[in-house]
């Protein structure tokens, strides 16, 4: 059964790569492009701009640093720091690829996160 599962996953991966190639090879004909297929590894954030256009995030989701579980959002769309704070949550004031508060970001990257 494991071999069947691996083959099935490989076929799904190949189909996704083909779809990405088709999407990238399409010429710009003025129509909006489709978002990346929603898989567990893609951020679930979706929003609207002032014109009412829908935007999807196509970044890969974060993996929790302690539990290694996949989160639902990428680092730019999480609202609280993904690193350990003794019994409390810290808000992410400046969105960044790590999903970290400024203190944890500085301790990892040795520089403050850039404001967007």
PDB file of N, CA and C in Angstrom:
ATOM      1  N   UNK A   1       0.817  -1.199   0.000  1.00  0.00           N
ATOM      2  CA  UNK A   1       0.000   0.000   0.000  1.00  0.00           C
ATOM      3  C   UNK A   1       0.856   1.256   0.000  1.00  0.00           C
ATOM      4  N   UNK A   2       2.047   1.160   0.605  1.00  0.00           N
ATOM      5  CA  UNK A   2       2.933   2.324   0.646  1.00  0.00           C
ATOM      6  C   UNK A   2       3.425   2.690  -0.748  1.00  0.00           C
ATOM      7  N   UNK A   3       3.699   1.673  -1.563  1.00  0.00           N
ATOM      8  CA  UNK A   3       4.160   1.927  -2.930  1.00  0.00           C
ATOM      9  C   UNK A   3       3.059   2.609  -3.728  1.00  0.00           C
ATOM     10  N   UNK A   4       1.815   2.141  -3.560  1.00  0.00           N
ATOM     11  CA  UNK A   4       0.685   2.764  -4.261  1.00  0.00           C
ATOM     12  C   UNK A   4       0.539   4.222  -3.847  1.00  0.00           C
ATOM     13  N   UNK A   5       0.666   4.470  -2.550  1.00  0.00           N
ATOM     14  CA  UNK A   5       0.537   5.832  -2.048  1.00  0.00           C
ATOM     15  C   UNK A   5       1.637   6.726  -2.605  1.00  0.00           C
ATOM     16  N   UNK A   6       2.865   6.233  -2.632  1.00  0.00           N
ATOM     17  CA  UNK A   6       3.972   7.016  -3.183  1.00  0.00           C
ATOM     18  C   UNK A   6       3.759   7.330  -4.658  1.00  0.00           C
ATOM     19  N   UNK A   7       3.279   6.337  -5.425  1.00  0.00           N
ATOM     20  CA  UNK A   7       3.010   6.568  -6.846  1.00  0.00           C
ATOM     21  C   UNK A   7       1.912   7.602  -7.027  1.00  0.00           C
ATOM     22  N   UNK A   8       0.868   7.514  -6.195  1.00  0.00           N
ATOM     23  CA  UNK A   8      -0.237   8.466  -6.282  1.00  0.00           C
ATOM     24  C   UNK A   8       0.251   9.883  -5.966  1.00  0.00           C
ATOM     25  N   UNK A   9       1.078  10.021  -4.938  1.00  0.00           N
ATOM     26  CA  UNK A   9       1.627  11.329  -4.591  1.00  0.00           C
ATOM     27  C   UNK A   9       2.524  11.869  -5.696  1.00  0.00           C
ATOM     28  N   UNK A  10       3.312  11.000  -6.311  1.00  0.00           N
ATOM     29  CA  UNK A  10       4.192  11.413  -7.401  1.00  0.00           C
ATOM     30  C   UNK A  10       3.379  11.912  -8.595  1.00  0.00           C
ATOM     31  N   UNK A  11       2.291  11.189  -8.939  1.00  0.00           N
ATOM     32  CA  UNK A  11       1.431  11.625 -10.055  1.00  0.00           C
ATOM     33  C   UNK A  11       0.793  12.979  -9.752  1.00  0.00           C
ATOM     34  N   UNK A  12       0.345  13.169  -8.511  1.00  0.00           N
ATOM     35  CA  UNK A  12      -0.259  14.448  -8.132  1.00  0.00           C
ATOM     36  C   UNK A  12       0.763  15.575  -8.235  1.00  0.00           C
ATOM     37  N   UNK A  13       1.983  15.305  -7.797  1.00  0.00           N
ATOM     38  CA  UNK A  13       3.044  16.307  -7.884  1.00  0.00           C
ATOM     39  C   UNK A  13       3.344  16.650  -9.339  1.00  0.00           C
ATOM     40  N   UNK A  14       3.398  15.636 -10.212  1.00  0.00           N
ATOM     41  CA  UNK A  14       3.650  15.875 -11.635  1.00  0.00           C
ATOM     42  C   UNK A  14       2.531  16.699 -12.259  1.00  0.00           C
ATOM     43  N   UNK A  15       1.270  16.406 -11.888  1.00  0.00           N
ATOM     44  CA  UNK A  15       0.135  17.181 -12.417  1.00  0.00           C
ATOM     45  C   UNK A  15       0.232  18.640 -11.986  1.00  0.00           C
ATOM     46  N   UNK A  16       0.592  18.880 -10.726  1.00  0.00           N
ATOM     47  CA  UNK A  16       0.723  20.257 -10.246  1.00  0.00           C
ATOM     48  C   UNK A  16       1.826  20.992 -10.989  1.00  0.00           C
ATOM     49  N   UNK A  17       2.948  20.317 -11.246  1.00  0.00           N
ATOM     50  CA  UNK A  17       4.042  20.945 -11.987  1.00  0.00           C
ATOM     51  C   UNK A  17       3.616  21.264 -13.416  1.00  0.00           C
ATOM     52  N   UNK A  18       2.853  20.359 -14.046  1.00  0.00           N
ATOM     53  CA  UNK A  18       2.358  20.616 -15.398  1.00  0.00           C
ATOM     54  C   UNK A  18       1.429  21.820 -15.410  1.00  0.00           C
ATOM     55  N   UNK A  19       0.542  21.914 -14.405  1.00  0.00           N
ATOM     56  CA  UNK A  19      -0.380  23.045 -14.331  1.00  0.00           C
ATOM     57  C   UNK A  19       0.382  24.356 -14.144  1.00  0.00           C
ATOM     58  N   UNK A  20       1.427  24.326 -13.318  1.00  0.00           N
ATOM     59  CA  UNK A  20       2.233  25.533 -13.120  1.00  0.00           C
ATOM     60  C   UNK A  20       2.924  25.941 -14.413  1.00  0.00           C
ATOM     61  N   UNK A  21       3.452  24.966 -15.161  1.00  0.00           N
ATOM     62  CA  UNK A  21       4.115  25.261 -16.433  1.00  0.00           C
ATOM     63  C   UNK A  21       3.125  25.840 -17.435  1.00  0.00           C
ATOM     64  N   UNK A  22       1.920  25.269 -17.492  1.00  0.00           N
ATOM     65  CA  UNK A  22       0.895  25.788 -18.403  1.00  0.00           C
ATOM     66  C   UNK A  22       0.524  27.216 -18.026  1.00  0.00           C
ATOM     67  N   UNK A  23       0.376  27.473 -16.733  1.00  0.00           N
ATOM     68  CA  UNK A  23       0.005  28.813 -16.280  1.00  0.00           C
ATOM     69  C   UNK A  23       1.103  29.819 -16.593  1.00  0.00           C
ATOM     70  N   UNK A  24       2.360  29.410 -16.442  1.00  0.00           N
ATOM     71  CA  UNK A  24       3.453  30.342 -16.707  1.00  0.00           C
ATOM     72  C   UNK A  24       3.671  30.549 -18.202  1.00  0.00           C
ATOM     73  N   UNK A  25       3.280  29.568 -19.028  1.00  0.00           N
ATOM     74  CA  UNK A  25       3.495  29.701 -20.463  1.00  0.00           C
ATOM     75  C   UNK A  25       2.363  30.456 -21.159  1.00  0.00           C
ATOM     76  N   UNK A  26       1.236  30.634 -20.458  1.00  0.00           N
ATOM     77  CA  UNK A  26       0.125  31.375 -21.059  1.00  0.00           C
ATOM     78  C   UNK A  26       0.535  32.820 -21.301  1.00  0.00           C
ATOM     79  N   UNK A  27       0.117  33.353 -22.435  1.00  0.00           N
ATOM     80  CA  UNK A  27       0.403  34.754 -22.724  1.00  0.00           C
ATOM     81  C   UNK A  27      -0.546  35.632 -21.929  1.00  0.00           C
ATOM     82  N   UNK A  28      -0.130  36.868 -21.673  1.00  0.00           N
ATOM     83  CA  UNK A  28      -0.962  37.806 -20.938  1.00  0.00           C
ATOM     84  C   UNK A  28      -2.051  38.315 -21.870  1.00  0.00           C
ATOM     85  N   UNK A  29      -3.262  37.794 -21.703  1.00  0.00           N
ATOM     86  CA  UNK A  29      -4.366  38.182 -22.575  1.00  0.00           C
ATOM     87  C   UNK A  29      -5.346  39.121 -21.873  1.00  0.00           C
ATOM     88  N   UNK A  30      -4.938  39.695 -20.747  1.00  0.00           N
ATOM     89  CA  UNK A  30      -5.790  40.651 -20.055  1.00  0.00           C
ATOM     90  C   UNK A  30      -6.716  40.015 -19.035  1.00  0.00           C
ATOM     91  N   UNK A  31      -6.859  38.700 -19.052  1.00  0.00           N
ATOM     92  CA  UNK A  31      -7.722  38.038 -18.079  1.00  0.00           C
ATOM     93  C   UNK A  31      -6.933  37.786 -16.798  1.00  0.00           C
ATOM     94  N   UNK A  32      -7.620  37.793 -15.651  1.00  0.00           N
ATOM     95  CA  UNK A  32      -6.900  37.512 -14.412  1.00  0.00           C
ATOM     96  C   UNK A  32      -6.388  36.077 -14.393  1.00  0.00           C
ATOM     97  N   UNK A  33      -5.208  35.891 -13.847  1.00  0.00           N
ATOM     98  CA  UNK A  33      -4.616  34.561 -13.758  1.00  0.00           C
ATOM     99  C   UNK A  33      -5.235  33.791 -12.594  1.00  0.00           C
ATOM    100  N   UNK A  34      -5.273  32.480 -12.731  1.00  0.00           N
ATOM    101  CA  UNK A  34      -5.783  31.640 -11.658  1.00  0.00           C
ATOM    102  C   UNK A  34      -4.753  31.591 -10.534  1.00  0.00           C
ATOM    103  N   UNK A  35      -5.226  31.471  -9.284  1.00  0.00           N
ATOM    104  CA  UNK A  35      -4.271  31.324  -8.191  1.00  0.00           C
ATOM    105  C   UNK A  35      -3.626  29.941  -8.234  1.00  0.00           C
ATOM    106  N   UNK A  36      -2.533  29.793  -7.516  1.00  0.00           N
ATOM    107  CA  UNK A  36      -1.884  28.489  -7.410  1.00  0.00           C
ATOM    108  C   UNK A  36      -2.885  27.520  -6.788  1.00  0.00           C
ATOM    109  N   UNK A  37      -2.943  26.275  -7.260  1.00  0.00           N
ATOM    110  CA  UNK A  37      -3.890  25.320  -6.674  1.00  0.00           C
ATOM    111  C   UNK A  37      -3.716  25.248  -5.160  1.00  0.00           C
ATOM    112  N   UNK A  38      -4.811  25.276  -4.451  1.00  0.00           N
ATOM    113  CA  UNK A  38      -4.786  25.293  -2.993  1.00  0.00           C
ATOM    114  C   UNK A  38      -4.429  23.911  -2.459  1.00  0.00           C
ATOM    115  N   UNK A  39      -3.238  23.779  -1.967  1.00  0.00           N
ATOM    116  CA  UNK A  39      -2.816  22.554  -1.307  1.00  0.00           C
ATOM    117  C   UNK A  39      -2.516  22.888   0.142  1.00  0.00           C
ATOM    118  N   UNK A  40      -2.229  21.907   0.933  1.00  0.00           N
ATOM    119  CA  UNK A  40      -1.965  22.122   2.353  1.00  0.00           C
ATOM    120  C   UNK A  40      -0.719  22.979   2.568  1.00  0.00           C
ATOM    121  N   UNK A  41       0.176  23.004   1.591  1.00  0.00           N
ATOM    122  CA  UNK A  41       1.432  23.734   1.750  1.00  0.00           C
ATOM    123  C   UNK A  41       1.333  25.199   1.334  1.00  0.00           C
ATOM    124  N   UNK A  42       0.172  25.641   0.820  1.00  0.00           N
ATOM    125  CA  UNK A  42      -0.002  27.014   0.346  1.00  0.00           C
ATOM    126  C   UNK A  42      -0.832  27.807   1.355  1.00  0.00           C
ATOM    127  N   UNK A  43      -0.421  29.029   1.619  1.00  0.00           N
ATOM    128  CA  UNK A  43      -1.100  29.921   2.567  1.00  0.00           C
ATOM    129  C   UNK A  43      -2.579  30.073   2.203  1.00  0.00           C
ATOM    130  N   UNK A  44      -3.446  30.106   3.218  1.00  0.00           N
ATOM    131  CA  UNK A  44      -4.886  30.200   2.979  1.00  0.00           C
ATOM    132  C   UNK A  44      -5.406  31.634   3.006  1.00  0.00           C
ATOM    133  N   UNK A  45      -4.516  32.625   3.140  1.00  0.00           N
ATOM    134  CA  UNK A  45      -4.960  34.015   3.204  1.00  0.00           C
ATOM    135  C   UNK A  45      -5.606  34.433   1.891  1.00  0.00           C
ATOM    136  N   UNK A  46      -6.700  35.176   2.008  1.00  0.00           N
ATOM    137  CA  UNK A  46      -7.396  35.721   0.845  1.00  0.00           C
ATOM    138  C   UNK A  46      -7.935  37.084   1.257  1.00  0.00           C
ATOM    139  N   UNK A  47      -7.823  38.066   0.386  1.00  0.00           N
ATOM    140  CA  UNK A  47      -8.304  39.395   0.719  1.00  0.00           C
ATOM    141  C   UNK A  47      -8.794  40.141  -0.507  1.00  0.00           C
ATOM    142  N   UNK A  48      -9.434  41.272  -0.269  1.00  0.00           N
ATOM    143  CA  UNK A  48      -9.939  42.125  -1.353  1.00  0.00           C
ATOM    144  C   UNK A  48      -9.290  43.497  -1.248  1.00  0.00           C
ATOM    145  N   UNK A  49      -9.040  44.082  -2.413  1.00  0.00           N
ATOM    146  CA  UNK A  49      -8.497  45.439  -2.404  1.00  0.00           C
ATOM    147  C   UNK A  49      -9.640  46.440  -2.535  1.00  0.00           C
ATOM    148  N   UNK A  50      -9.306  47.706  -2.646  1.00  0.00           N
ATOM    149  CA  UNK A  50     -10.309  48.758  -2.723  1.00  0.00           C
ATOM    150  C   UNK A  50     -11.212  48.670  -3.943  1.00  0.00           C
ATOM    151  N   UNK A  51     -10.730  48.036  -5.023  1.00  0.00           N
ATOM    152  CA  UNK A  51     -11.532  47.888  -6.237  1.00  0.00           C
ATOM    153  C   UNK A  51     -12.423  46.654  -6.204  1.00  0.00           C
ATOM    154  N   UNK A  52     -12.319  45.866  -5.140  1.00  0.00           N
ATOM    155  CA  UNK A  52     -13.120  44.647  -5.031  1.00  0.00           C
ATOM    156  C   UNK A  52     -12.469  43.420  -5.653  1.00  0.00           C
ATOM    157  N   UNK A  53     -11.230  43.569  -6.133  1.00  0.00           N
ATOM    158  CA  UNK A  53     -10.524  42.416  -6.695  1.00  0.00           C
ATOM    159  C   UNK A  53     -10.072  41.495  -5.567  1.00  0.00           C
ATOM    160  N   UNK A  54     -10.173  40.188  -5.810  1.00  0.00           N
ATOM    161  CA  UNK A  54      -9.768  39.199  -4.813  1.00  0.00           C
ATOM    162  C   UNK A  54      -8.302  38.848  -5.024  1.00  0.00           C
ATOM    163  N   UNK A  55      -7.564  38.783  -3.929  1.00  0.00           N
ATOM    164  CA  UNK A  55      -6.143  38.422  -3.968  1.00  0.00           C
ATOM    165  C   UNK A  55      -5.929  37.194  -3.109  1.00  0.00           C
ATOM    166  N   UNK A  56      -5.086  36.274  -3.581  1.00  0.00           N
ATOM    167  CA  UNK A  56      -4.719  35.068  -2.851  1.00  0.00           C
ATOM    168  C   UNK A  56      -3.230  35.105  -2.586  1.00  0.00           C
ATOM    169  N   UNK A  57      -2.833  34.583  -1.458  1.00  0.00           N
ATOM    170  CA  UNK A  57      -1.405  34.448  -1.164  1.00  0.00           C
ATOM    171  C   UNK A  57      -0.935  33.104  -1.707  1.00  0.00           C
ATOM    172  N   UNK A  58       0.175  33.106  -2.415  1.00  0.00           N
ATOM    173  CA  UNK A  58       0.722  31.876  -2.988  1.00  0.00           C
ATOM    174  C   UNK A  58       2.023  31.447  -2.313  1.00  0.00           C
ATOM    175  N   UNK A  59       2.311  32.010  -1.132  1.00  0.00           N
ATOM    176  CA  UNK A  59       3.511  31.617  -0.395  1.00  0.00           C
ATOM    177  C   UNK A  59       3.299  30.269   0.282  1.00  0.00           C
ATOM    178  N   UNK A  60       4.393  29.616   0.602  1.00  0.00           N
ATOM    179  CA  UNK A  60       4.310  28.367   1.353  1.00  0.00           C
ATOM    180  C   UNK A  60       4.024  28.672   2.815  1.00  0.00           C
ATOM    181  N   UNK A  61       3.276  27.782   3.466  1.00  0.00           N
ATOM    182  CA  UNK A  61       2.922  27.977   4.870  1.00  0.00           C
ATOM    183  C   UNK A  61       4.137  27.782   5.769  1.00  0.00           C
ATOM    184  N   UNK A  62       4.016  28.268   6.988  1.00  0.00           N
ATOM    185  CA  UNK A  62       5.070  28.087   7.987  1.00  0.00           C
ATOM    186  C   UNK A  62       4.954  26.713   8.631  1.00  0.00           C
ATOM    187  N   UNK A  63       6.070  26.237   9.104  1.00  0.00           N
ATOM    188  CA  UNK A  63       6.087  25.036   9.922  1.00  0.00           C
ATOM    189  C   UNK A  63       6.395  25.503  11.338  1.00  0.00           C
ATOM    190  N   UNK A  64       5.562  25.107  12.303  1.00  0.00           N
ATOM    191  CA  UNK A  64       5.753  25.559  13.675  1.00  0.00           C
ATOM    192  C   UNK A  64       7.141  25.150  14.157  1.00  0.00           C
ATOM    193  N   UNK A  65       7.895  26.076  14.763  1.00  0.00           N
ATOM    194  CA  UNK A  65       9.277  25.773  15.134  1.00  0.00           C
ATOM    195  C   UNK A  65       9.421  24.691  16.205  1.00  0.00           C
ATOM    196  N   UNK A  66       8.411  24.499  17.041  1.00  0.00           N
ATOM    197  CA  UNK A  66       8.510  23.499  18.103  1.00  0.00           C
ATOM    198  C   UNK A  66       7.834  22.189  17.720  1.00  0.00           C
ATOM    199  N   UNK A  67       6.568  22.272  17.296  1.00  0.00           N
ATOM    200  CA  UNK A  67       5.798  21.056  17.008  1.00  0.00           C
ATOM    201  C   UNK A  67       6.027  20.529  15.601  1.00  0.00           C
ATOM    202  N   UNK A  68       6.578  21.351  14.713  1.00  0.00           N
ATOM    203  CA  UNK A  68       6.817  21.021  13.302  1.00  0.00           C
ATOM    204  C   UNK A  68       5.522  20.808  12.507  1.00  0.00           C
ATOM    205  N   UNK A  69       4.386  21.178  13.068  1.00  0.00           N
ATOM    206  CA  UNK A  69       3.112  21.071  12.362  1.00  0.00           C
ATOM    207  C   UNK A  69       3.011  22.195  11.340  1.00  0.00           C
ATOM    208  N   UNK A  70       2.365  21.920  10.202  1.00  0.00           N
ATOM    209  CA  UNK A  70       2.152  22.957   9.201  1.00  0.00           C
ATOM    210  C   UNK A  70       1.059  23.895   9.683  1.00  0.00           C
ATOM    211  N   UNK A  71       1.311  25.180   9.599  1.00  0.00           N
ATOM    212  CA  UNK A  71       0.314  26.179   9.969  1.00  0.00           C
ATOM    213  C   UNK A  71      -0.543  26.496   8.752  1.00  0.00           C
ATOM    214  N   UNK A  72      -1.564  27.333   8.928  1.00  0.00           N
ATOM    215  CA  UNK A  72      -2.458  27.652   7.814  1.00  0.00           C
ATOM    216  C   UNK A  72      -1.997  28.848   6.993  1.00  0.00           C
ATOM    217  N   UNK A  73      -1.066  29.625   7.534  1.00  0.00           N
ATOM    218  CA  UNK A  73      -0.634  30.842   6.856  1.00  0.00           C
ATOM    219  C   UNK A  73       0.882  30.892   6.704  1.00  0.00           C
ATOM    220  N   UNK A  74       1.311  31.746   5.790  1.00  0.00           N
ATOM    221  CA  UNK A  74       2.745  31.999   5.630  1.00  0.00           C
ATOM    222  C   UNK A  74       3.176  32.994   6.710  1.00  0.00           C
ATOM    223  N   UNK A  75       4.447  33.275   6.780  1.00  0.00           N
ATOM    224  CA  UNK A  75       4.961  34.193   7.789  1.00  0.00           C
ATOM    225  C   UNK A  75       4.393  35.595   7.688  1.00  0.00           C
ATOM    226  N   UNK A  76       4.036  36.008   6.484  1.00  0.00           N
ATOM    227  CA  UNK A  76       3.524  37.365   6.290  1.00  0.00           C
ATOM    228  C   UNK A  76       2.077  37.518   6.759  1.00  0.00           C
ATOM    229  N   UNK A  77       1.350  36.425   6.929  1.00  0.00           N
ATOM    230  CA  UNK A  77      -0.065  36.513   7.266  1.00  0.00           C
ATOM    231  C   UNK A  77      -0.432  35.950   8.631  1.00  0.00           C
ATOM    232  N   UNK A  78       0.548  35.522   9.431  1.00  0.00           N
ATOM    233  CA  UNK A  78       0.243  35.129  10.810  1.00  0.00           C
ATOM    234  C   UNK A  78       0.108  36.395  11.644  1.00  0.00           C
ATOM    235  N   UNK A  79      -0.679  36.327  12.702  1.00  0.00           N
ATOM    236  CA  UNK A  79      -0.897  37.520  13.521  1.00  0.00           C
ATOM    237  C   UNK A  79      -0.108  37.494  14.816  1.00  0.00           C
ATOM    238  N   UNK A  80       0.261  36.300  15.293  1.00  0.00           N
ATOM    239  CA  UNK A  80       1.034  36.215  16.533  1.00  0.00           C
ATOM    240  C   UNK A  80       2.352  35.492  16.276  1.00  0.00           C
ATOM    241  N   UNK A  81       3.342  35.799  17.084  1.00  0.00           N
ATOM    242  CA  UNK A  81       4.680  35.229  16.941  1.00  0.00           C
ATOM    243  C   UNK A  81       4.627  33.710  17.085  1.00  0.00           C
ATOM    244  N   UNK A  82       5.333  33.008  16.215  1.00  0.00           N
ATOM    245  CA  UNK A  82       5.325  31.548  16.215  1.00  0.00           C
ATOM    246  C   UNK A  82       6.356  30.950  17.162  1.00  0.00           C
ATOM    247  N   UNK A  83       7.139  31.771  17.804  1.00  0.00           N
ATOM    248  CA  UNK A  83       8.172  31.298  18.717  1.00  0.00           C
ATOM    249  C   UNK A  83       7.692  31.410  20.159  1.00  0.00           C
ATOM    250  N   UNK A  84       8.395  30.763  21.064  1.00  0.00           N
ATOM    251  CA  UNK A  84       7.958  30.636  22.451  1.00  0.00           C
ATOM    252  C   UNK A  84       8.040  31.950  23.221  1.00  0.00           C
ATOM    253  N   UNK A  85       6.930  32.283  23.882  1.00  0.00           N
ATOM    254  CA  UNK A  85       6.845  33.399  24.820  1.00  0.00           C
ATOM    255  C   UNK A  85       6.201  32.834  26.077  1.00  0.00           C
ATOM    256  N   UNK A  86       6.824  32.974  27.205  1.00  0.00           N
ATOM    257  CA  UNK A  86       6.369  32.343  28.452  1.00  0.00           C
ATOM    258  C   UNK A  86       4.920  32.699  28.781  1.00  0.00           C
ATOM    259  N   UNK A  87       3.998  31.845  28.386  1.00  0.00           N
ATOM    260  CA  UNK A  87       2.596  31.980  28.767  1.00  0.00           C
ATOM    261  C   UNK A  87       1.823  33.110  28.130  1.00  0.00           C
ATOM    262  N   UNK A  88       2.352  33.764  27.137  1.00  0.00           N
ATOM    263  CA  UNK A  88       1.624  34.870  26.518  1.00  0.00           C
ATOM    264  C   UNK A  88       1.891  34.919  25.019  1.00  0.00           C
ATOM    265  N   UNK A  89       1.001  35.590  24.305  1.00  0.00           N
ATOM    266  CA  UNK A  89       1.165  35.751  22.857  1.00  0.00           C
ATOM    267  C   UNK A  89       1.733  37.128  22.565  1.00  0.00           C
ATOM    268  N   UNK A  90       2.613  37.188  21.589  1.00  0.00           N
ATOM    269  CA  UNK A  90       3.140  38.471  21.129  1.00  0.00           C
ATOM    270  C   UNK A  90       2.674  38.685  19.701  1.00  0.00           C
ATOM    271  N   UNK A  91       2.173  39.868  19.438  1.00  0.00           N
ATOM    272  CA  UNK A  91       1.686  40.204  18.107  1.00  0.00           C
ATOM    273  C   UNK A  91       2.855  40.481  17.170  1.00  0.00           C
ATOM    274  N   UNK A  92       2.691  40.078  15.910  1.00  0.00           N
ATOM    275  CA  UNK A  92       3.694  40.388  14.887  1.00  0.00           C
ATOM    276  C   UNK A  92       3.366  41.786  14.376  1.00  0.00           C
ATOM    277  N   UNK A  93       4.198  42.756  14.735  1.00  0.00           N
ATOM    278  CA  UNK A  93       3.942  44.143  14.349  1.00  0.00           C
ATOM    279  C   UNK A  93       4.378  44.424  12.922  1.00  0.00           C
ATOM    280  N   UNK A  94       5.492  43.829  12.508  1.00  0.00           N
ATOM    281  CA  UNK A  94       5.994  43.982  11.147  1.00  0.00           C
ATOM    282  C   UNK A  94       5.971  42.616  10.476  1.00  0.00           C
ATOM    283  N   UNK A  95       5.065  42.393   9.515  1.00  0.00           N
ATOM    284  CA  UNK A  95       5.012  41.078   8.862  1.00  0.00           C
ATOM    285  C   UNK A  95       6.362  40.702   8.261  1.00  0.00           C
ATOM    286  N   UNK A  96       6.732  39.442   8.436  1.00  0.00           N
ATOM    287  CA  UNK A  96       8.014  38.963   7.919  1.00  0.00           C
ATOM    288  C   UNK A  96       7.900  37.490   7.555  1.00  0.00           C
ATOM    289  N   UNK A  97       8.885  36.986   6.820  1.00  0.00           N
ATOM    290  CA  UNK A  97       8.837  35.616   6.315  1.00  0.00           C
ATOM    291  C   UNK A  97       8.925  34.563   7.412  1.00  0.00           C
ATOM    292  N   UNK A  98       9.391  34.939   8.606  1.00  0.00           N
ATOM    293  CA  UNK A  98       9.526  33.986   9.707  1.00  0.00           C
ATOM    294  C   UNK A  98       8.276  33.894  10.575  1.00  0.00           C
ATOM    295  N   UNK A  99       7.378  34.863  10.465  1.00  0.00           N
ATOM    296  CA  UNK A  99       6.212  34.900  11.345  1.00  0.00           C
ATOM    297  C   UNK A  99       6.626  35.159  12.785  1.00  0.00           C
ATOM    298  N   UNK A 100       7.636  35.997  12.969  1.00  0.00           N
ATOM    299  CA  UNK A 100       8.217  36.235  14.286  1.00  0.00           C
ATOM    300  C   UNK A 100       8.012  37.677  14.725  1.00  0.00           C
ATOM    301  N   UNK A 101       7.953  37.870  16.055  1.00  0.00           N
ATOM    302  CA  UNK A 101       7.932  39.226  16.595  1.00  0.00           C
ATOM    303  C   UNK A 101       9.306  39.844  16.346  1.00  0.00           C
ATOM    304  N   UNK A 102       9.417  41.138  16.571  1.00  0.00           N
ATOM    305  CA  UNK A 102      10.679  41.833  16.288  1.00  0.00           C
ATOM    306  C   UNK A 102      11.839  41.255  17.095  1.00  0.00           C
ATOM    307  N   UNK A 103      11.595  40.900  18.353  1.00  0.00           N
ATOM    308  CA  UNK A 103      12.664  40.369  19.205  1.00  0.00           C
ATOM    309  C   UNK A 103      13.210  39.053  18.661  1.00  0.00           C
ATOM    310  N   UNK A 104      12.321  38.125  18.319  1.00  0.00           N
ATOM    311  CA  UNK A 104      12.772  36.840  17.783  1.00  0.00           C
ATOM    312  C   UNK A 104      13.403  37.011  16.400  1.00  0.00           C
ATOM    313  N   UNK A 105      12.851  37.899  15.586  1.00  0.00           N
ATOM    314  CA  UNK A 105      13.422  38.128  14.256  1.00  0.00           C
ATOM    315  C   UNK A 105      14.866  38.616  14.377  1.00  0.00           C
ATOM    316  N   UNK A 106      15.088  39.570  15.273  1.00  0.00           N
ATOM    317  CA  UNK A 106      16.441  40.107  15.468  1.00  0.00           C
ATOM    318  C   UNK A 106      17.382  39.024  15.995  1.00  0.00           C
ATOM    319  N   UNK A 107      16.886  38.179  16.901  1.00  0.00           N
ATOM    320  CA  UNK A 107      17.759  37.137  17.448  1.00  0.00           C
ATOM    321  C   UNK A 107      18.125  36.090  16.393  1.00  0.00           C
ATOM    322  N   UNK A 108      17.275  35.889  15.393  1.00  0.00           N
ATOM    323  CA  UNK A 108      17.557  34.905  14.341  1.00  0.00           C
ATOM    324  C   UNK A 108      18.368  35.521  13.205  1.00  0.00           C
ATOM    325  N   UNK A 109      17.950  36.683  12.705  1.00  0.00           N
ATOM    326  CA  UNK A 109      18.567  37.292  11.522  1.00  0.00           C
ATOM    327  C   UNK A 109      19.623  38.350  11.827  1.00  0.00           C
ATOM    328  N   UNK A 110      19.731  38.765  13.074  1.00  0.00           N
ATOM    329  CA  UNK A 110      20.704  39.781  13.498  1.00  0.00           C
ATOM    330  C   UNK A 110      20.434  41.166  12.902  1.00  0.00           C
ATOM    331  N   UNK A 111      19.205  41.385  12.471  1.00  0.00           N
ATOM    332  CA  UNK A 111      18.784  42.707  11.990  1.00  0.00           C
ATOM    333  C   UNK A 111      17.272  42.798  12.132  1.00  0.00           C
ATOM    334  N   UNK A 112      16.729  44.007  12.284  1.00  0.00           N
ATOM    335  CA  UNK A 112      15.277  44.132  12.437  1.00  0.00           C
ATOM    336  C   UNK A 112      14.557  43.847  11.118  1.00  0.00           C
ATOM    337  N   UNK A 113      13.290  43.411  11.198  1.00  0.00           N
ATOM    338  CA  UNK A 113      12.532  43.161   9.966  1.00  0.00           C
ATOM    339  C   UNK A 113      12.267  44.464   9.225  1.00  0.00           C
ATOM    340  N   UNK A 114      12.267  44.388   7.900  1.00  0.00           N
ATOM    341  CA  UNK A 114      12.011  45.578   7.082  1.00  0.00           C
ATOM    342  C   UNK A 114      10.519  45.874   7.055  1.00  0.00           C
ATOM    343  N   UNK A 115      10.168  47.148   7.207  1.00  0.00           N
ATOM    344  CA  UNK A 115       8.768  47.556   7.127  1.00  0.00           C
ATOM    345  C   UNK A 115       8.306  47.462   5.683  1.00  0.00           C
ATOM    346  N   UNK A 116       7.078  47.045   5.501  1.00  0.00           N
ATOM    347  CA  UNK A 116       6.539  46.884   4.144  1.00  0.00           C
ATOM    348  C   UNK A 116       5.838  48.138   3.700  1.00  0.00           C
TER     349      UNK A 116
END
